[in-house]
Amino acid sequence: MLLAIEKKVLAESERFTFQDLRAYYATLHKQLHSELPDLHTNPATTAKVYDRNREVKGSAP
């Protein structure tokens, strides 16, 4: 990460963790193909863990 920032491949504001990459891929794949990729045997697991397009309703205190 530091080397990519140093070589100007990434801006400091574009930091990410490697855990973000799989979720990013799943979200991008869904946008392009209208379905989530096969990252798990059970598609529900992929949707639960990696789908970043869904809205989660919560209660505010």
PDB file of N, CA and C in Angstrom:
ATOM      1  N   MET A   1       0.834  -1.176   0.000  1.00  0.00           N
ATOM      2  CA  MET A   1       0.000   0.000   0.000  1.00  0.00           C
ATOM      3  C   MET A   1       0.884   1.247   0.000  1.00  0.00           C
ATOM      4  N   LEU A   2       1.868   1.271   0.881  1.00  0.00           N
ATOM      5  CA  LEU A   2       2.732   2.450   0.967  1.00  0.00           C
ATOM      6  C   LEU A   2       3.516   2.669  -0.323  1.00  0.00           C
ATOM      7  N   LEU A   3       3.965   1.578  -0.936  1.00  0.00           N
ATOM      8  CA  LEU A   3       4.697   1.691  -2.195  1.00  0.00           C
ATOM      9  C   LEU A   3       3.800   2.234  -3.306  1.00  0.00           C
ATOM     10  N   ALA A   4       2.558   1.796  -3.351  1.00  0.00           N
ATOM     11  CA  ALA A   4       1.613   2.292  -4.363  1.00  0.00           C
ATOM     12  C   ALA A   4       1.344   3.782  -4.172  1.00  0.00           C
ATOM     13  N   ILE A   5       1.239   4.226  -2.935  1.00  0.00           N
ATOM     14  CA  ILE A   5       1.030   5.653  -2.655  1.00  0.00           C
ATOM     15  C   ILE A   5       2.291   6.436  -3.028  1.00  0.00           C
ATOM     16  N   GLU A   6       3.450   5.879  -2.682  1.00  0.00           N
ATOM     17  CA  GLU A   6       4.716   6.544  -2.994  1.00  0.00           C
ATOM     18  C   GLU A   6       4.915   6.691  -4.505  1.00  0.00           C
ATOM     19  N   LYS A   7       4.519   5.685  -5.278  1.00  0.00           N
ATOM     20  CA  LYS A   7       4.674   5.728  -6.737  1.00  0.00           C
ATOM     21  C   LYS A   7       3.501   6.407  -7.428  1.00  0.00           C
ATOM     22  N   LYS A   8       2.605   6.991  -6.641  1.00  0.00           N
ATOM     23  CA  LYS A   8       1.449   7.744  -7.155  1.00  0.00           C
ATOM     24  C   LYS A   8       0.448   6.862  -7.914  1.00  0.00           C
ATOM     25  N   VAL A   9       0.433   5.578  -7.606  1.00  0.00           N
ATOM     26  CA  VAL A   9      -0.564   4.681  -8.186  1.00  0.00           C
ATOM     27  C   VAL A   9      -1.890   4.878  -7.454  1.00  0.00           C
ATOM     28  N   LEU A  10      -1.809   5.108  -6.155  1.00  0.00           N
ATOM     29  CA  LEU A  10      -2.973   5.406  -5.317  1.00  0.00           C
ATOM     30  C   LEU A  10      -2.753   6.729  -4.611  1.00  0.00           C
ATOM     31  N   ALA A  11      -3.827   7.456  -4.425  1.00  0.00           N
ATOM     32  CA  ALA A  11      -3.757   8.668  -3.607  1.00  0.00           C
ATOM     33  C   ALA A  11      -3.915   8.260  -2.145  1.00  0.00           C
ATOM     34  N   GLU A  12      -3.427   9.072  -1.251  1.00  0.00           N
ATOM     35  CA  GLU A  12      -3.549   8.793   0.185  1.00  0.00           C
ATOM     36  C   GLU A  12      -5.005   8.581   0.576  1.00  0.00           C
ATOM     37  N   SER A  13      -5.909   9.305  -0.076  1.00  0.00           N
ATOM     38  CA  SER A  13      -7.337   9.199   0.248  1.00  0.00           C
ATOM     39  C   SER A  13      -7.963   7.904  -0.272  1.00  0.00           C
ATOM     40  N   GLU A  14      -7.245   7.136  -1.086  1.00  0.00           N
ATOM     41  CA  GLU A  14      -7.779   5.904  -1.665  1.00  0.00           C
ATOM     42  C   GLU A  14      -7.336   4.649  -0.917  1.00  0.00           C
ATOM     43  N   ARG A  15      -6.936   4.810   0.318  1.00  0.00           N
ATOM     44  CA  ARG A  15      -6.500   3.657   1.109  1.00  0.00           C
ATOM     45  C   ARG A  15      -7.619   2.636   1.221  1.00  0.00           C
ATOM     46  N   PHE A  16      -7.260   1.397   1.279  1.00  0.00           N
ATOM     47  CA  PHE A  16      -8.230   0.322   1.442  1.00  0.00           C
ATOM     48  C   PHE A  16      -7.551  -0.833   2.156  1.00  0.00           C
ATOM     49  N   THR A  17      -8.339  -1.757   2.635  1.00  0.00           N
ATOM     50  CA  THR A  17      -7.794  -2.986   3.184  1.00  0.00           C
ATOM     51  C   THR A  17      -8.018  -4.087   2.159  1.00  0.00           C
ATOM     52  N   PHE A  18      -7.256  -5.131   2.254  1.00  0.00           N
ATOM     53  CA  PHE A  18      -7.389  -6.207   1.284  1.00  0.00           C
ATOM     54  C   PHE A  18      -8.719  -6.933   1.430  1.00  0.00           C
ATOM     55  N   GLN A  19      -9.348  -6.842   2.599  1.00  0.00           N
ATOM     56  CA  GLN A  19     -10.682  -7.407   2.770  1.00  0.00           C
ATOM     57  C   GLN A  19     -11.683  -6.664   1.896  1.00  0.00           C
ATOM     58  N   ASP A  20     -11.421  -5.396   1.605  1.00  0.00           N
ATOM     59  CA  ASP A  20     -12.318  -4.597   0.772  1.00  0.00           C
ATOM     60  C   ASP A  20     -12.320  -5.054  -0.687  1.00  0.00           C
ATOM     61  N   LEU A  21     -11.246  -5.661  -1.152  1.00  0.00           N
ATOM     62  CA  LEU A  21     -11.126  -6.017  -2.566  1.00  0.00           C
ATOM     63  C   LEU A  21     -12.188  -7.010  -3.013  1.00  0.00           C
ATOM     64  N   ARG A  22     -12.441  -8.018  -2.200  1.00  0.00           N
ATOM     65  CA  ARG A  22     -13.431  -9.026  -2.581  1.00  0.00           C
ATOM     66  C   ARG A  22     -14.828  -8.420  -2.623  1.00  0.00           C
ATOM     67  N   ALA A  23     -15.151  -7.575  -1.662  1.00  0.00           N
ATOM     68  CA  ALA A  23     -16.452  -6.905  -1.658  1.00  0.00           C
ATOM     69  C   ALA A  23     -16.559  -5.943  -2.842  1.00  0.00           C
ATOM     70  N   TYR A  24     -15.479  -5.250  -3.152  1.00  0.00           N
ATOM     71  CA  TYR A  24     -15.476  -4.347  -4.306  1.00  0.00           C
ATOM     72  C   TYR A  24     -15.718  -5.131  -5.593  1.00  0.00           C
ATOM     73  N   TYR A  25     -15.023  -6.260  -5.734  1.00  0.00           N
ATOM     74  CA  TYR A  25     -15.214  -7.095  -6.921  1.00  0.00           C
ATOM     75  C   TYR A  25     -16.661  -7.572  -7.028  1.00  0.00           C
ATOM     76  N   ALA A  26     -17.228  -8.030  -5.925  1.00  0.00           N
ATOM     77  CA  ALA A  26     -18.610  -8.525  -5.943  1.00  0.00           C
ATOM     78  C   ALA A  26     -19.579  -7.417  -6.335  1.00  0.00           C
ATOM     79  N   THR A  27     -19.385  -6.230  -5.798  1.00  0.00           N
ATOM     80  CA  THR A  27     -20.256  -5.099  -6.109  1.00  0.00           C
ATOM     81  C   THR A  27     -20.124  -4.696  -7.577  1.00  0.00           C
ATOM     82  N   LEU A  28     -18.902  -4.617  -8.074  1.00  0.00           N
ATOM     83  CA  LEU A  28     -18.671  -4.253  -9.474  1.00  0.00           C
ATOM     84  C   LEU A  28     -19.247  -5.313 -10.412  1.00  0.00           C
ATOM     85  N   HIS A  29     -19.057  -6.571 -10.073  1.00  0.00           N
ATOM     86  CA  HIS A  29     -19.592  -7.668 -10.890  1.00  0.00           C
ATOM     87  C   HIS A  29     -21.116  -7.587 -10.951  1.00  0.00           C
ATOM     88  N   LYS A  30     -21.743  -7.280  -9.825  1.00  0.00           N
ATOM     89  CA  LYS A  30     -23.205  -7.173  -9.797  1.00  0.00           C
ATOM     90  C   LYS A  30     -23.677  -5.997 -10.660  1.00  0.00           C
ATOM     91  N   GLN A  31     -22.960  -4.889 -10.628  1.00  0.00           N
ATOM     92  CA  GLN A  31     -23.336  -3.735 -11.442  1.00  0.00           C
ATOM     93  C   GLN A  31     -23.219  -4.046 -12.934  1.00  0.00           C
ATOM     94  N   LEU A  32     -22.209  -4.798 -13.317  1.00  0.00           N
ATOM     95  CA  LEU A  32     -21.973  -5.105 -14.727  1.00  0.00           C
ATOM     96  C   LEU A  32     -22.835  -6.250 -15.254  1.00  0.00           C
ATOM     97  N   HIS A  33     -23.109  -7.244 -14.401  1.00  0.00           N
ATOM     98  CA  HIS A  33     -23.786  -8.460 -14.855  1.00  0.00           C
ATOM     99  C   HIS A  33     -25.147  -8.686 -14.207  1.00  0.00           C
ATOM    100  N   SER A  34     -25.582  -7.789 -13.358  1.00  0.00           N
ATOM    101  CA  SER A  34     -26.879  -7.868 -12.669  1.00  0.00           C
ATOM    102  C   SER A  34     -27.024  -9.092 -11.771  1.00  0.00           C
ATOM    103  N   GLU A  35     -25.921  -9.679 -11.365  1.00  0.00           N
ATOM    104  CA  GLU A  35     -25.950 -10.778 -10.400  1.00  0.00           C
ATOM    105  C   GLU A  35     -24.603 -10.852  -9.697  1.00  0.00           C
ATOM    106  N   LEU A  36     -24.625 -11.399  -8.503  1.00  0.00           N
ATOM    107  CA  LEU A  36     -23.388 -11.533  -7.751  1.00  0.00           C
ATOM    108  C   LEU A  36     -22.555 -12.686  -8.312  1.00  0.00           C
ATOM    109  N   PRO A  37     -21.230 -12.600  -8.206  1.00  0.00           N
ATOM    110  CA  PRO A  37     -20.383 -13.696  -8.680  1.00  0.00           C
ATOM    111  C   PRO A  37     -20.468 -14.901  -7.741  1.00  0.00           C
ATOM    112  N   ASP A  38     -19.983 -16.040  -8.187  1.00  0.00           N
ATOM    113  CA  ASP A  38     -19.981 -17.258  -7.376  1.00  0.00           C
ATOM    114  C   ASP A  38     -18.742 -17.282  -6.483  1.00  0.00           C
ATOM    115  N   LEU A  39     -18.807 -16.591  -5.362  1.00  0.00           N
ATOM    116  CA  LEU A  39     -17.682 -16.569  -4.432  1.00  0.00           C
ATOM    117  C   LEU A  39     -17.806 -17.650  -3.373  1.00  0.00           C
ATOM    118  N   HIS A  40     -19.018 -18.150  -3.161  1.00  0.00           N
ATOM    119  CA  HIS A  40     -19.273 -19.195  -2.177  1.00  0.00           C
ATOM    120  C   HIS A  40     -20.173 -20.248  -2.803  1.00  0.00           C
ATOM    121  N   THR A  41     -20.182 -21.424  -2.230  1.00  0.00           N
ATOM    122  CA  THR A  41     -21.060 -22.487  -2.711  1.00  0.00           C
ATOM    123  C   THR A  41     -22.514 -22.072  -2.584  1.00  0.00           C
ATOM    124  N   ASN A  42     -22.833 -21.408  -1.492  1.00  0.00           N
ATOM    125  CA  ASN A  42     -24.192 -20.944  -1.248  1.00  0.00           C
ATOM    126  C   ASN A  42     -24.288 -19.470  -1.660  1.00  0.00           C
ATOM    127  N   PRO A  43     -25.077 -19.131  -2.684  1.00  0.00           N
ATOM    128  CA  PRO A  43     -25.206 -17.737  -3.126  1.00  0.00           C
ATOM    129  C   PRO A  43     -25.716 -16.798  -2.031  1.00  0.00           C
ATOM    130  N   ALA A  44     -26.480 -17.324  -1.084  1.00  0.00           N
ATOM    131  CA  ALA A  44     -26.979 -16.486   0.010  1.00  0.00           C
ATOM    132  C   ALA A  44     -25.827 -15.975   0.871  1.00  0.00           C
ATOM    133  N   THR A  45     -24.789 -16.774   1.011  1.00  0.00           N
ATOM    134  CA  THR A  45     -23.617 -16.345   1.782  1.00  0.00           C
ATOM    135  C   THR A  45     -22.931 -15.180   1.083  1.00  0.00           C
ATOM    136  N   THR A  46     -22.764 -15.283  -0.223  1.00  0.00           N
ATOM    137  CA  THR A  46     -22.156 -14.190  -0.988  1.00  0.00           C
ATOM    138  C   THR A  46     -22.983 -12.924  -0.839  1.00  0.00           C
ATOM    139  N   ALA A  47     -24.297 -13.038  -0.954  1.00  0.00           N
ATOM    140  CA  ALA A  47     -25.171 -11.867  -0.838  1.00  0.00           C
ATOM    141  C   ALA A  47     -25.088 -11.260   0.555  1.00  0.00           C
ATOM    142  N   LYS A  48     -25.047 -12.098   1.568  1.00  0.00           N
ATOM    143  CA  LYS A  48     -25.018 -11.613   2.953  1.00  0.00           C
ATOM    144  C   LYS A  48     -23.701 -10.908   3.274  1.00  0.00           C
ATOM    145  N   VAL A  49     -22.602 -11.460   2.800  1.00  0.00           N
ATOM    146  CA  VAL A  49     -21.282 -10.964   3.191  1.00  0.00           C
ATOM    147  C   VAL A  49     -20.751  -9.865   2.277  1.00  0.00           C
ATOM    148  N   TYR A  50     -20.957  -9.992   0.962  1.00  0.00           N
ATOM    149  CA  TYR A  50     -20.263  -9.121   0.018  1.00  0.00           C
ATOM    150  C   TYR A  50     -21.116  -8.102  -0.714  1.00  0.00           C
ATOM    151  N   ASP A  51     -22.426  -8.210  -0.660  1.00  0.00           N
ATOM    152  CA  ASP A  51     -23.270  -7.275  -1.408  1.00  0.00           C
ATOM    153  C   ASP A  51     -23.294  -5.926  -0.708  1.00  0.00           C
ATOM    154  N   ARG A  52     -22.621  -4.937  -1.283  1.00  0.00           N
ATOM    155  CA  ARG A  52     -22.542  -3.599  -0.685  1.00  0.00           C
ATOM    156  C   ARG A  52     -23.607  -2.654  -1.240  1.00  0.00           C
ATOM    157  N   ASN A  53     -24.493  -3.152  -2.098  1.00  0.00           N
ATOM    158  CA  ASN A  53     -25.538  -2.316  -2.681  1.00  0.00           C
ATOM    159  C   ASN A  53     -26.810  -2.271  -1.855  1.00  0.00           C
ATOM    160  N   ARG A  54     -26.965  -3.206  -0.951  1.00  0.00           N
ATOM    161  CA  ARG A  54     -28.211  -3.256  -0.188  1.00  0.00           C
ATOM    162  C   ARG A  54     -28.209  -2.200   0.907  1.00  0.00           C
ATOM    163  N   GLU A  55     -29.391  -1.775   1.284  1.00  0.00           N
ATOM    164  CA  GLU A  55     -29.538  -0.803   2.355  1.00  0.00           C
ATOM    165  C   GLU A  55     -29.925  -1.538   3.624  1.00  0.00           C
ATOM    166  N   VAL A  56     -29.311  -1.163   4.706  1.00  0.00           N
ATOM    167  CA  VAL A  56     -29.615  -1.772   5.992  1.00  0.00           C
ATOM    168  C   VAL A  56     -30.371  -0.755   6.819  1.00  0.00           C
ATOM    169  N   LYS A  57     -31.571  -1.129   7.243  1.00  0.00           N
ATOM    170  CA  LYS A  57     -32.365  -0.222   8.059  1.00  0.00           C
ATOM    171  C   LYS A  57     -32.026  -0.449   9.523  1.00  0.00           C
ATOM    172  N   GLY A  58     -31.790   0.617  10.204  1.00  0.00           N
ATOM    173  CA  GLY A  58     -31.470   0.533  11.622  1.00  0.00           C
ATOM    174  C   GLY A  58     -32.244   1.587  12.378  1.00  0.00           C
ATOM    175  N   SER A  59     -32.213   1.467  13.668  1.00  0.00           N
ATOM    176  CA  SER A  59     -32.911   2.459  14.478  1.00  0.00           C
ATOM    177  C   SER A  59     -31.892   3.413  15.087  1.00  0.00           C
ATOM    178  N   ALA A  60     -32.177   4.670  14.991  1.00  0.00           N
ATOM    179  CA  ALA A  60     -31.301   5.689  15.568  1.00  0.00           C
ATOM    180  C   ALA A  60     -31.668   5.875  17.034  1.00  0.00           C
ATOM    181  N   PRO A  61     -30.681   6.072  17.869  1.00  0.00           N
ATOM    182  CA  PRO A  61     -30.986   6.276  19.305  1.00  0.00           C
ATOM    183  C   PRO A  61     -31.661   7.599  19.566  1.00  0.00           C
TER     184      PRO A  61
END
